[in-house]
């Protein structure tokens, strides 16, 4: 049986998690949406189109990858939501981000634990991009 205390605690925890996610997703969503109406996003898209084509993604998706690589998964989600991507493209970009996300933070943690930084960073990036290419081919 659900008690009043359980309900209040669950509501509080749910609102706390929602607030934490919103702090990451909403600013990135607004930034990407703003960039859509400036010449910056088309310039970024054009610069990254050759690499993105290998992944079956539009050039604009490079922003979501950069946010995921540098910040975190939730920042990438904010960028993905603001772009017009197909389910296949969302799956491809999600696979890449799954393997190569929050690189600065996780690289620092790896370094503290004694792992060599360059090999682990290279492995994560290469495997992430390889995963994206494979997903693009099989989907």
N, C-alpha and C. Protein backbone atom coordinates (compact mmCIF):
# COMPACT_ATOMS: atom_id res chain seq x y z
N UNK A 1 0.84 -1.18 0.00
CA UNK A 1 0.00 0.00 0.00
C UNK A 1 0.89 1.25 0.00
N UNK A 2 0.52 2.22 -0.80
CA UNK A 2 1.28 3.45 -0.90
C UNK A 2 0.82 4.41 0.19
N UNK A 3 1.78 4.84 0.98
CA UNK A 3 1.46 5.78 2.05
C UNK A 3 1.67 7.21 1.54
N UNK A 4 1.19 8.15 2.30
CA UNK A 4 1.36 9.56 1.97
C UNK A 4 2.84 9.92 1.92
N UNK A 5 3.63 9.41 2.85
CA UNK A 5 5.07 9.70 2.89
C UNK A 5 5.78 9.16 1.66
N UNK A 6 5.41 7.96 1.23
CA UNK A 6 6.00 7.36 0.03
C UNK A 6 5.68 8.19 -1.20
N UNK A 7 4.46 8.64 -1.31
CA UNK A 7 4.03 9.46 -2.43
C UNK A 7 4.79 10.79 -2.47
N UNK A 8 4.92 11.43 -1.33
CA UNK A 8 5.63 12.71 -1.25
C UNK A 8 7.11 12.52 -1.59
N UNK A 9 7.73 11.47 -1.06
CA UNK A 9 9.15 11.20 -1.34
C UNK A 9 9.36 10.91 -2.82
N UNK A 10 8.47 10.13 -3.42
CA UNK A 10 8.57 9.82 -4.85
C UNK A 10 8.40 11.05 -5.71
N UNK A 11 7.46 11.90 -5.35
CA UNK A 11 7.23 13.13 -6.09
C UNK A 11 8.45 14.04 -5.98
N UNK A 12 9.01 14.16 -4.79
CA UNK A 12 10.20 14.99 -4.58
C UNK A 12 11.38 14.47 -5.40
N UNK A 13 11.60 13.16 -5.36
CA UNK A 13 12.69 12.56 -6.13
C UNK A 13 12.48 12.73 -7.63
N UNK A 14 11.25 12.54 -8.09
CA UNK A 14 10.94 12.71 -9.50
C UNK A 14 11.18 14.14 -9.97
N UNK A 15 10.76 15.11 -9.18
CA UNK A 15 10.99 16.51 -9.53
C UNK A 15 12.47 16.85 -9.51
N UNK A 16 13.22 16.27 -8.59
CA UNK A 16 14.66 16.50 -8.52
C UNK A 16 15.37 15.98 -9.77
N UNK A 17 15.02 14.78 -10.19
CA UNK A 17 15.62 14.19 -11.39
C UNK A 17 15.23 15.00 -12.63
N UNK A 18 13.96 15.40 -12.70
CA UNK A 18 13.49 16.21 -13.82
C UNK A 18 14.26 17.52 -13.90
N UNK A 19 14.50 18.15 -12.76
CA UNK A 19 15.24 19.41 -12.72
C UNK A 19 16.68 19.21 -13.21
N UNK A 20 17.33 18.14 -12.76
CA UNK A 20 18.71 17.87 -13.18
C UNK A 20 18.79 17.64 -14.69
N UNK A 21 17.86 16.89 -15.24
CA UNK A 21 17.85 16.64 -16.68
C UNK A 21 17.54 17.93 -17.45
N UNK A 22 16.60 18.69 -16.96
CA UNK A 22 16.22 19.93 -17.63
C UNK A 22 17.38 20.91 -17.67
N UNK A 23 18.21 20.94 -16.64
CA UNK A 23 19.37 21.85 -16.62
C UNK A 23 20.35 21.52 -17.73
N UNK A 24 20.41 20.28 -18.16
CA UNK A 24 21.32 19.91 -19.24
C UNK A 24 20.64 20.02 -20.60
N UNK A 25 19.40 19.62 -20.70
CA UNK A 25 18.74 19.52 -22.00
C UNK A 25 18.23 20.87 -22.51
N UNK A 26 17.59 21.65 -21.69
CA UNK A 26 16.95 22.88 -22.15
C UNK A 26 17.94 23.91 -22.71
N UNK A 27 19.06 24.20 -22.02
CA UNK A 27 19.99 25.18 -22.61
C UNK A 27 20.55 24.74 -23.96
N UNK A 28 20.89 23.47 -24.09
CA UNK A 28 21.42 22.99 -25.37
C UNK A 28 20.35 23.06 -26.44
N UNK A 29 19.14 22.69 -26.11
CA UNK A 29 18.03 22.78 -27.07
C UNK A 29 17.88 24.22 -27.56
N UNK A 30 17.91 25.16 -26.64
CA UNK A 30 17.78 26.57 -27.02
C UNK A 30 18.94 27.05 -27.87
N UNK A 31 20.15 26.64 -27.53
CA UNK A 31 21.34 27.03 -28.31
C UNK A 31 21.24 26.50 -29.73
N UNK A 32 20.93 25.23 -29.88
CA UNK A 32 20.84 24.64 -31.22
C UNK A 32 19.69 25.26 -32.01
N UNK A 33 18.57 25.48 -31.36
CA UNK A 33 17.44 26.12 -32.04
C UNK A 33 17.83 27.53 -32.49
N UNK A 34 18.52 28.26 -31.65
CA UNK A 34 18.99 29.60 -32.02
C UNK A 34 19.95 29.52 -33.20
N UNK A 35 20.88 28.57 -33.16
CA UNK A 35 21.86 28.43 -34.23
C UNK A 35 21.22 28.07 -35.57
N UNK A 36 20.06 27.43 -35.53
CA UNK A 36 19.35 27.10 -36.77
C UNK A 36 18.99 28.36 -37.56
N UNK A 37 18.77 29.46 -36.87
CA UNK A 37 18.34 30.69 -37.50
C UNK A 37 19.50 31.66 -37.74
N UNK A 38 20.71 31.20 -37.61
CA UNK A 38 21.89 32.00 -37.89
C UNK A 38 22.71 31.29 -38.97
N UNK A 39 23.70 31.94 -39.51
CA UNK A 39 24.55 31.28 -40.51
C UNK A 39 25.53 30.28 -39.89
N UNK A 40 25.59 30.22 -38.57
CA UNK A 40 26.57 29.36 -37.90
C UNK A 40 26.27 27.88 -38.11
N UNK A 41 25.04 27.46 -37.89
CA UNK A 41 24.70 26.05 -38.02
C UNK A 41 24.90 25.54 -39.45
N UNK A 42 24.47 26.28 -40.47
CA UNK A 42 24.76 25.81 -41.83
C UNK A 42 26.27 25.71 -42.11
N UNK A 43 27.05 26.62 -41.56
CA UNK A 43 28.50 26.56 -41.74
C UNK A 43 29.08 25.31 -41.08
N UNK A 44 28.66 25.03 -39.84
CA UNK A 44 29.12 23.82 -39.13
C UNK A 44 28.68 22.58 -39.89
N UNK A 45 27.44 22.58 -40.33
CA UNK A 45 26.90 21.43 -41.07
C UNK A 45 27.71 21.17 -42.34
N UNK A 46 28.02 22.23 -43.06
CA UNK A 46 28.78 22.08 -44.30
C UNK A 46 30.19 21.55 -44.02
N UNK A 47 30.82 22.03 -42.96
CA UNK A 47 32.18 21.59 -42.62
C UNK A 47 32.24 20.11 -42.26
N UNK A 48 31.19 19.61 -41.60
CA UNK A 48 31.21 18.23 -41.13
C UNK A 48 30.44 17.25 -42.02
N UNK A 49 29.87 17.73 -43.10
CA UNK A 49 29.07 16.87 -43.97
C UNK A 49 29.81 15.63 -44.47
N UNK A 50 31.09 15.73 -44.90
CA UNK A 50 31.76 14.50 -45.38
C UNK A 50 31.83 13.39 -44.32
N UNK A 51 32.19 13.72 -43.09
CA UNK A 51 32.24 12.72 -42.03
C UNK A 51 30.84 12.23 -41.68
N UNK A 52 29.91 13.14 -41.60
CA UNK A 52 28.55 12.78 -41.23
C UNK A 52 27.90 11.87 -42.28
N UNK A 53 28.28 12.05 -43.54
CA UNK A 53 27.74 11.22 -44.62
C UNK A 53 28.12 9.76 -44.40
N UNK A 54 29.34 9.50 -43.89
CA UNK A 54 29.75 8.13 -43.58
C UNK A 54 28.86 7.49 -42.53
N UNK A 55 28.30 8.33 -41.68
CA UNK A 55 27.46 7.84 -40.59
C UNK A 55 25.97 7.88 -40.95
N UNK A 56 25.67 8.38 -42.13
CA UNK A 56 24.27 8.49 -42.53
C UNK A 56 23.54 9.60 -41.81
N UNK A 57 24.28 10.62 -41.39
CA UNK A 57 23.70 11.72 -40.62
C UNK A 57 23.85 13.03 -41.38
N UNK A 58 22.95 13.97 -41.14
CA UNK A 58 23.12 15.30 -41.73
C UNK A 58 24.24 16.04 -41.00
N UNK A 59 24.81 17.02 -41.64
CA UNK A 59 25.91 17.78 -41.04
C UNK A 59 25.54 18.42 -39.71
N UNK A 60 24.27 18.82 -39.56
CA UNK A 60 23.83 19.46 -38.31
C UNK A 60 23.99 18.53 -37.10
N UNK A 61 23.96 17.24 -37.35
CA UNK A 61 24.07 16.27 -36.25
C UNK A 61 25.45 16.31 -35.61
N UNK A 62 26.41 16.94 -36.26
CA UNK A 62 27.74 17.05 -35.67
C UNK A 62 27.68 17.82 -34.34
N UNK A 63 26.75 18.75 -34.23
CA UNK A 63 26.59 19.47 -32.97
C UNK A 63 26.19 18.54 -31.83
N UNK A 64 25.26 17.65 -32.12
CA UNK A 64 24.83 16.70 -31.09
C UNK A 64 26.00 15.81 -30.69
N UNK A 65 26.81 15.39 -31.66
CA UNK A 65 27.98 14.57 -31.33
C UNK A 65 28.97 15.34 -30.47
N UNK A 66 29.24 16.58 -30.84
CA UNK A 66 30.19 17.39 -30.06
C UNK A 66 29.67 17.58 -28.63
N UNK A 67 28.39 17.91 -28.49
CA UNK A 67 27.83 18.08 -27.15
C UNK A 67 27.93 16.78 -26.35
N UNK A 68 27.65 15.67 -26.99
CA UNK A 68 27.75 14.38 -26.31
C UNK A 68 29.18 14.03 -25.94
N UNK A 69 30.11 14.26 -26.87
CA UNK A 69 31.53 13.96 -26.60
C UNK A 69 32.07 14.83 -25.48
N UNK A 70 31.75 16.12 -25.52
CA UNK A 70 32.37 17.07 -24.58
C UNK A 70 31.58 17.21 -23.28
N UNK A 71 30.26 17.28 -23.36
CA UNK A 71 29.46 17.51 -22.16
C UNK A 71 28.95 16.19 -21.59
N UNK A 72 27.77 15.79 -22.03
CA UNK A 72 27.20 14.54 -21.53
C UNK A 72 26.08 14.07 -22.45
N UNK A 73 25.52 12.93 -22.13
CA UNK A 73 24.47 12.34 -22.95
C UNK A 73 23.25 13.25 -23.01
N UNK A 74 22.91 13.89 -21.91
CA UNK A 74 21.72 14.72 -21.86
C UNK A 74 21.86 15.96 -22.74
N UNK A 75 23.05 16.52 -22.83
CA UNK A 75 23.28 17.64 -23.73
C UNK A 75 23.09 17.19 -25.18
N UNK A 76 23.56 15.98 -25.49
CA UNK A 76 23.37 15.43 -26.83
C UNK A 76 21.88 15.24 -27.12
N UNK A 77 21.13 14.78 -26.13
CA UNK A 77 19.69 14.60 -26.30
C UNK A 77 19.03 15.94 -26.60
N UNK A 78 19.44 16.98 -25.91
CA UNK A 78 18.90 18.31 -26.17
C UNK A 78 19.14 18.75 -27.60
N UNK A 79 20.32 18.44 -28.13
CA UNK A 79 20.64 18.80 -29.51
C UNK A 79 19.86 17.92 -30.48
N UNK A 80 19.76 16.63 -30.18
CA UNK A 80 19.05 15.70 -31.07
C UNK A 80 17.58 16.09 -31.21
N UNK A 81 16.96 16.45 -30.10
CA UNK A 81 15.54 16.80 -30.10
C UNK A 81 15.28 18.04 -30.96
N UNK A 82 16.24 18.96 -31.00
CA UNK A 82 16.03 20.19 -31.75
C UNK A 82 16.27 20.02 -33.25
N UNK A 83 16.81 18.88 -33.67
CA UNK A 83 17.06 18.60 -35.09
C UNK A 83 15.96 17.72 -35.65
N UNK A 84 15.77 17.78 -36.94
CA UNK A 84 14.77 16.92 -37.60
C UNK A 84 15.47 15.66 -38.09
N UNK A 85 15.56 14.65 -37.22
CA UNK A 85 16.25 13.41 -37.56
C UNK A 85 15.25 12.26 -37.66
N UNK A 86 15.57 11.30 -38.51
CA UNK A 86 14.74 10.10 -38.65
C UNK A 86 15.05 9.15 -37.50
N UNK A 87 14.19 8.17 -37.25
CA UNK A 87 14.50 7.18 -36.21
C UNK A 87 15.84 6.47 -36.45
N UNK A 88 16.15 6.17 -37.72
CA UNK A 88 17.44 5.54 -38.04
C UNK A 88 18.58 6.46 -37.62
N UNK A 89 18.51 7.73 -37.95
CA UNK A 89 19.57 8.67 -37.60
C UNK A 89 19.71 8.83 -36.09
N UNK A 90 18.59 8.84 -35.40
CA UNK A 90 18.64 8.94 -33.93
C UNK A 90 19.31 7.71 -33.35
N UNK A 91 19.03 6.54 -33.91
CA UNK A 91 19.65 5.31 -33.44
C UNK A 91 21.15 5.33 -33.69
N UNK A 92 21.56 5.79 -34.86
CA UNK A 92 22.99 5.87 -35.19
C UNK A 92 23.71 6.81 -34.24
N UNK A 93 23.17 8.00 -34.06
CA UNK A 93 23.83 8.99 -33.20
C UNK A 93 23.83 8.53 -31.75
N UNK A 94 22.78 7.83 -31.34
CA UNK A 94 22.72 7.31 -29.96
C UNK A 94 23.78 6.23 -29.73
N UNK A 95 24.00 5.39 -30.72
CA UNK A 95 25.04 4.36 -30.61
C UNK A 95 26.41 4.98 -30.46
N UNK A 96 26.67 6.04 -31.22
CA UNK A 96 27.97 6.72 -31.13
C UNK A 96 28.15 7.34 -29.75
N UNK A 97 27.15 8.06 -29.31
CA UNK A 97 27.22 8.74 -28.01
C UNK A 97 27.31 7.73 -26.86
N UNK A 98 26.67 6.59 -27.04
CA UNK A 98 26.72 5.55 -26.01
C UNK A 98 28.17 5.14 -25.71
N UNK A 99 28.98 5.05 -26.75
CA UNK A 99 30.36 4.60 -26.58
C UNK A 99 31.34 5.74 -26.32
N UNK A 100 31.01 6.94 -26.74
CA UNK A 100 31.96 8.06 -26.60
C UNK A 100 31.24 9.30 -26.06
N UNK A 101 30.93 9.29 -24.79
CA UNK A 101 30.27 10.43 -24.17
C UNK A 101 31.09 10.96 -23.00
N UNK A 102 30.89 12.21 -22.67
CA UNK A 102 31.54 12.86 -21.52
C UNK A 102 33.04 12.59 -21.50
N UNK A 103 33.68 12.74 -22.63
CA UNK A 103 35.09 12.37 -22.75
C UNK A 103 36.02 13.12 -21.79
N UNK A 104 35.89 14.43 -21.61
CA UNK A 104 36.82 15.11 -20.67
C UNK A 104 36.70 14.58 -19.24
N UNK A 105 35.47 14.41 -18.77
CA UNK A 105 35.27 13.95 -17.39
C UNK A 105 35.74 12.51 -17.23
N UNK A 106 35.31 11.65 -18.13
CA UNK A 106 35.66 10.24 -17.99
C UNK A 106 37.14 9.98 -18.27
N UNK A 107 37.76 10.81 -19.09
CA UNK A 107 39.20 10.69 -19.31
C UNK A 107 39.96 11.08 -18.05
N UNK A 108 39.49 12.12 -17.37
CA UNK A 108 40.13 12.52 -16.11
C UNK A 108 39.99 11.43 -15.06
N UNK A 109 38.83 10.81 -15.00
CA UNK A 109 38.62 9.71 -14.04
C UNK A 109 39.53 8.54 -14.40
N UNK A 110 39.62 8.22 -15.68
CA UNK A 110 40.49 7.13 -16.13
C UNK A 110 41.94 7.40 -15.77
N UNK A 111 42.37 8.64 -15.96
CA UNK A 111 43.75 9.02 -15.64
C UNK A 111 44.03 8.82 -14.15
N UNK A 112 43.08 9.22 -13.32
CA UNK A 112 43.24 9.05 -11.87
C UNK A 112 43.35 7.59 -11.48
N UNK A 113 42.71 6.71 -12.25
CA UNK A 113 42.75 5.29 -11.92
C UNK A 113 43.96 4.58 -12.52
N UNK A 114 44.80 5.34 -13.25
CA UNK A 114 46.04 4.77 -13.77
C UNK A 114 45.99 4.30 -15.20
N UNK A 115 44.88 4.50 -15.87
CA UNK A 115 44.75 4.09 -17.27
C UNK A 115 45.39 5.16 -18.15
N UNK A 116 46.08 4.73 -19.21
CA UNK A 116 46.68 5.68 -20.13
C UNK A 116 45.56 6.38 -20.92
N UNK A 117 45.62 7.70 -20.94
CA UNK A 117 44.54 8.52 -21.48
C UNK A 117 44.40 8.40 -23.00
N UNK A 118 45.47 8.56 -23.74
CA UNK A 118 45.38 8.59 -25.20
C UNK A 118 44.80 7.30 -25.77
N UNK A 119 45.28 6.12 -25.34
CA UNK A 119 44.68 4.89 -25.89
C UNK A 119 43.19 4.75 -25.59
N UNK A 120 42.78 5.05 -24.37
CA UNK A 120 41.37 4.87 -24.02
C UNK A 120 40.50 5.88 -24.76
N UNK A 121 40.99 7.11 -24.91
CA UNK A 121 40.26 8.13 -25.65
C UNK A 121 40.13 7.74 -27.13
N UNK A 122 41.22 7.25 -27.69
CA UNK A 122 41.22 6.81 -29.09
C UNK A 122 40.27 5.63 -29.29
N UNK A 123 40.33 4.67 -28.41
CA UNK A 123 39.46 3.49 -28.51
C UNK A 123 37.99 3.90 -28.45
N UNK A 124 37.64 4.76 -27.52
CA UNK A 124 36.24 5.17 -27.38
C UNK A 124 35.74 5.92 -28.62
N UNK A 125 36.57 6.82 -29.14
CA UNK A 125 36.16 7.58 -30.32
C UNK A 125 36.06 6.68 -31.55
N UNK A 126 37.08 5.84 -31.76
CA UNK A 126 37.08 4.96 -32.94
C UNK A 126 35.92 3.96 -32.87
N UNK A 127 35.71 3.35 -31.70
CA UNK A 127 34.61 2.40 -31.58
C UNK A 127 33.25 3.08 -31.71
N UNK A 128 33.12 4.30 -31.19
CA UNK A 128 31.87 5.03 -31.33
C UNK A 128 31.56 5.30 -32.80
N UNK A 129 32.55 5.80 -33.52
CA UNK A 129 32.35 6.08 -34.94
C UNK A 129 32.14 4.80 -35.74
N UNK A 130 32.86 3.74 -35.40
CA UNK A 130 32.67 2.46 -36.08
C UNK A 130 31.26 1.92 -35.82
N UNK A 131 30.79 2.06 -34.61
CA UNK A 131 29.43 1.65 -34.27
C UNK A 131 28.42 2.42 -35.12
N UNK A 132 28.64 3.73 -35.27
CA UNK A 132 27.76 4.55 -36.09
C UNK A 132 27.75 4.10 -37.53
N UNK A 133 28.93 3.77 -38.07
CA UNK A 133 29.01 3.32 -39.46
C UNK A 133 28.31 1.99 -39.65
N UNK A 134 28.50 1.08 -38.70
CA UNK A 134 27.85 -0.23 -38.79
C UNK A 134 26.34 -0.09 -38.69
N UNK A 135 25.88 0.70 -37.73
CA UNK A 135 24.44 0.91 -37.59
C UNK A 135 23.85 1.54 -38.86
N UNK A 136 24.59 2.46 -39.45
CA UNK A 136 24.11 3.09 -40.68
C UNK A 136 23.98 2.05 -41.80
N UNK A 137 24.88 1.10 -41.84
CA UNK A 137 24.83 0.07 -42.89
C UNK A 137 23.73 -0.97 -42.67
N UNK A 138 23.50 -1.35 -41.43
CA UNK A 138 22.56 -2.45 -41.18
C UNK A 138 21.12 -1.99 -40.98
N UNK A 139 20.92 -0.71 -40.69
CA UNK A 139 19.54 -0.24 -40.47
C UNK A 139 18.90 0.24 -41.75
